[in-house]
Amino acid sequence: MLVSGCYAPDVPRRPPRPVAERDARAYVLEVTGYCHCGPCCGWKRNWRGQPVYAYGPHKGQRKDVGITASGTRVRPGTIAADTDIFPFGTVMYVPGYGYGVVEDRGGAIKGHKIDLYFRSHQRALEWGRQRKQVNVWLP
């Protein structure tokens, strides 16, 4: 099979780096893992097999699985946060996870909580819920 183009979903992206001239602020955050599965992201399949929102104001409407609120595709390093506190583009360093960028938000993410994206549900479960001191560089 011949494939052309530049789309390469399994090629890791270069990790984000903070702006050098800015100092990081340290926050103690509640950090959880998530993946793009239905239980983690609030979607299910309808009778036609299409992904739809499972609950909330958009219940039953089509859902683009794996697309963040900022419009990017989820990948390792994607962080979901309360964008009133940590706007899109915020770079974070989480010990045990590495660098990431806030590109998503979730209905249950309010205040000083963040979700870290993992490729598998099992890895997200293994991470669980932790309190971590996180270095943050606001955009």
Protein backbone atom coordinates (compact mmCIF):
# COMPACT_ATOMS: atom_id res chain seq x y z
CA MET A 1 0.00 0.00 0.00
CA LEU A 2 1.36 3.39 -0.97
CA VAL A 3 0.67 6.26 1.42
CA SER A 4 1.50 9.85 0.67
CA GLY A 5 1.10 13.04 2.60
CA CYS A 6 2.43 14.33 5.88
CA TYR A 7 -0.04 12.91 8.40
CA ALA A 8 1.85 10.74 10.88
CA PRO A 9 -0.22 10.13 14.05
CA ASP A 10 2.32 7.85 15.74
CA VAL A 11 5.31 10.11 15.24
CA PRO A 12 5.93 11.83 18.56
CA ARG A 13 5.87 15.59 18.46
CA ARG A 14 8.70 17.62 19.87
CA PRO A 15 7.91 18.32 23.54
CA PRO A 16 6.83 21.88 24.30
CA ARG A 17 9.30 24.07 26.09
CA PRO A 18 8.52 27.09 28.22
CA VAL A 19 9.44 30.61 27.21
CA ALA A 20 13.01 31.03 28.50
CA GLU A 21 12.68 34.59 29.75
CA ARG A 22 9.69 33.82 31.97
CA ASP A 23 9.93 32.17 35.36
CA ALA A 24 7.69 29.26 36.23
CA ARG A 25 5.07 29.51 38.92
CA ALA A 26 4.62 26.44 41.10
CA TYR A 27 1.09 25.22 41.80
CA VAL A 28 -0.07 22.20 43.77
CA LEU A 29 -2.71 20.63 41.51
CA GLU A 30 -4.94 17.59 41.53
CA VAL A 31 -3.72 15.66 38.49
CA THR A 32 -5.67 12.85 36.83
CA GLY A 33 -5.11 10.75 33.74
CA TYR A 34 -7.51 10.45 30.81
CA CYS A 35 -7.62 8.91 27.35
CA HIS A 36 -9.96 9.45 24.40
CA CYS A 37 -12.34 6.62 25.31
CA GLY A 38 -16.04 7.09 26.05
CA PRO A 39 -15.88 6.77 29.86
CA CYS A 40 -13.00 9.28 30.06
CA CYS A 41 -14.46 11.84 27.63
CA GLY A 42 -18.22 11.51 28.03
CA TRP A 43 -19.25 9.94 24.74
CA LYS A 44 -20.96 6.75 23.61
CA ARG A 45 -22.07 5.23 20.35
CA ASN A 46 -25.63 5.76 19.13
CA TRP A 47 -27.73 3.06 17.43
CA ARG A 48 -25.89 3.78 14.16
CA GLY A 49 -22.49 3.27 15.79
CA GLN A 50 -21.61 6.97 15.62
CA PRO A 51 -19.96 8.67 18.61
CA VAL A 52 -22.30 11.11 20.36
CA TYR A 53 -22.18 13.06 23.62
CA ALA A 54 -23.40 10.79 26.44
CA TYR A 55 -24.66 13.58 28.71
CA GLY A 56 -24.76 17.34 29.20
CA PRO A 57 -26.20 20.09 27.03
CA HIS A 58 -25.08 18.37 23.80
CA LYS A 59 -26.37 14.90 24.74
CA GLY A 60 -27.07 12.83 21.63
CA GLN A 61 -25.23 15.22 19.26
CA ARG A 62 -22.27 13.99 17.21
CA LYS A 63 -18.86 14.14 18.85
CA ASP A 64 -15.48 14.33 17.15
CA VAL A 65 -13.52 11.82 19.21
CA GLY A 66 -9.90 12.75 19.83
CA ILE A 67 -10.31 16.45 19.03
CA THR A 68 -9.63 18.94 21.83
CA ALA A 69 -11.62 22.05 22.71
CA SER A 70 -8.88 24.13 21.07
CA GLY A 71 -9.26 22.13 17.84
CA THR A 72 -6.07 20.05 18.00
CA ARG A 73 -5.83 16.26 17.99
CA VAL A 74 -5.10 14.72 21.39
CA ARG A 75 -1.63 13.25 21.85
CA PRO A 76 0.76 12.68 24.73
CA GLY A 77 1.47 16.09 26.23
CA THR A 78 -2.13 17.29 25.87
CA ILE A 79 -3.45 18.73 29.12
CA ALA A 80 -7.06 19.54 29.96
CA ALA A 81 -7.54 22.36 32.49
CA ASP A 82 -9.92 25.05 33.68
CA THR A 83 -9.18 27.66 31.01
CA ASP A 84 -10.33 30.48 33.30
CA ILE A 85 -7.18 29.77 35.36
CA PHE A 86 -4.84 28.13 32.81
CA PRO A 87 -5.69 29.37 29.28
CA PHE A 88 -4.96 27.42 26.10
CA GLY A 89 -1.25 27.49 25.36
CA THR A 90 -0.16 27.28 29.01
CA VAL A 91 2.96 25.10 29.27
CA MET A 92 3.23 22.83 32.30
CA TYR A 93 5.84 20.46 33.68
CA VAL A 94 4.35 17.58 35.70
CA PRO A 95 6.87 15.37 37.55
CA GLY A 96 6.53 11.79 36.35
CA TYR A 97 4.76 12.88 33.14
CA GLY A 98 6.89 15.61 31.59
CA TYR A 99 6.00 18.76 29.67
CA GLY A 100 2.56 19.40 28.27
CA VAL A 101 0.36 22.17 26.90
CA VAL A 102 -3.19 23.09 27.89
CA GLU A 103 -5.23 22.36 24.76
CA ASP A 104 -8.43 20.94 26.23
CA ARG A 105 -11.02 21.48 28.94
CA GLY A 106 -13.58 19.24 30.54
CA GLY A 107 -16.90 19.73 32.26
CA ALA A 108 -15.61 18.37 35.58
CA ILE A 109 -12.31 20.27 35.50
CA LYS A 110 -12.82 23.32 37.70
CA GLY A 111 -10.23 25.15 39.75
CA HIS A 112 -6.77 23.77 40.36
CA LYS A 113 -7.25 20.43 38.62
CA ILE A 114 -5.78 19.13 35.38
CA ASP A 115 -6.12 15.99 33.27
CA LEU A 116 -3.13 14.48 31.45
CA TYR A 117 -3.68 12.60 28.19
CA PHE A 118 -2.48 9.00 27.88
CA ARG A 119 -2.72 6.82 24.76
CA SER A 120 -4.48 3.98 26.61
CA HIS A 121 -7.19 3.75 29.23
CA GLN A 122 -5.00 1.36 31.24
CA ARG A 123 -2.16 3.91 31.44
CA ALA A 124 -4.63 6.61 32.52
CA LEU A 125 -5.95 4.32 35.25
CA GLU A 126 -2.42 3.51 36.39
CA TRP A 127 -1.71 7.23 36.77
CA GLY A 128 -4.95 7.65 38.72
CA ARG A 129 -5.47 10.80 40.76
CA GLN A 130 -2.49 12.48 42.40
CA ARG A 131 -1.58 15.78 44.02
CA LYS A 132 1.56 17.15 42.40
CA GLN A 133 3.58 20.34 42.47
CA VAL A 134 3.45 21.50 38.84
CA ASN A 135 5.58 24.19 37.21
CA VAL A 136 3.44 26.47 35.05
CA TRP A 137 4.35 28.99 32.34
CA LEU A 138 1.32 31.08 31.36
CA PRO A 139 1.18 32.28 27.73
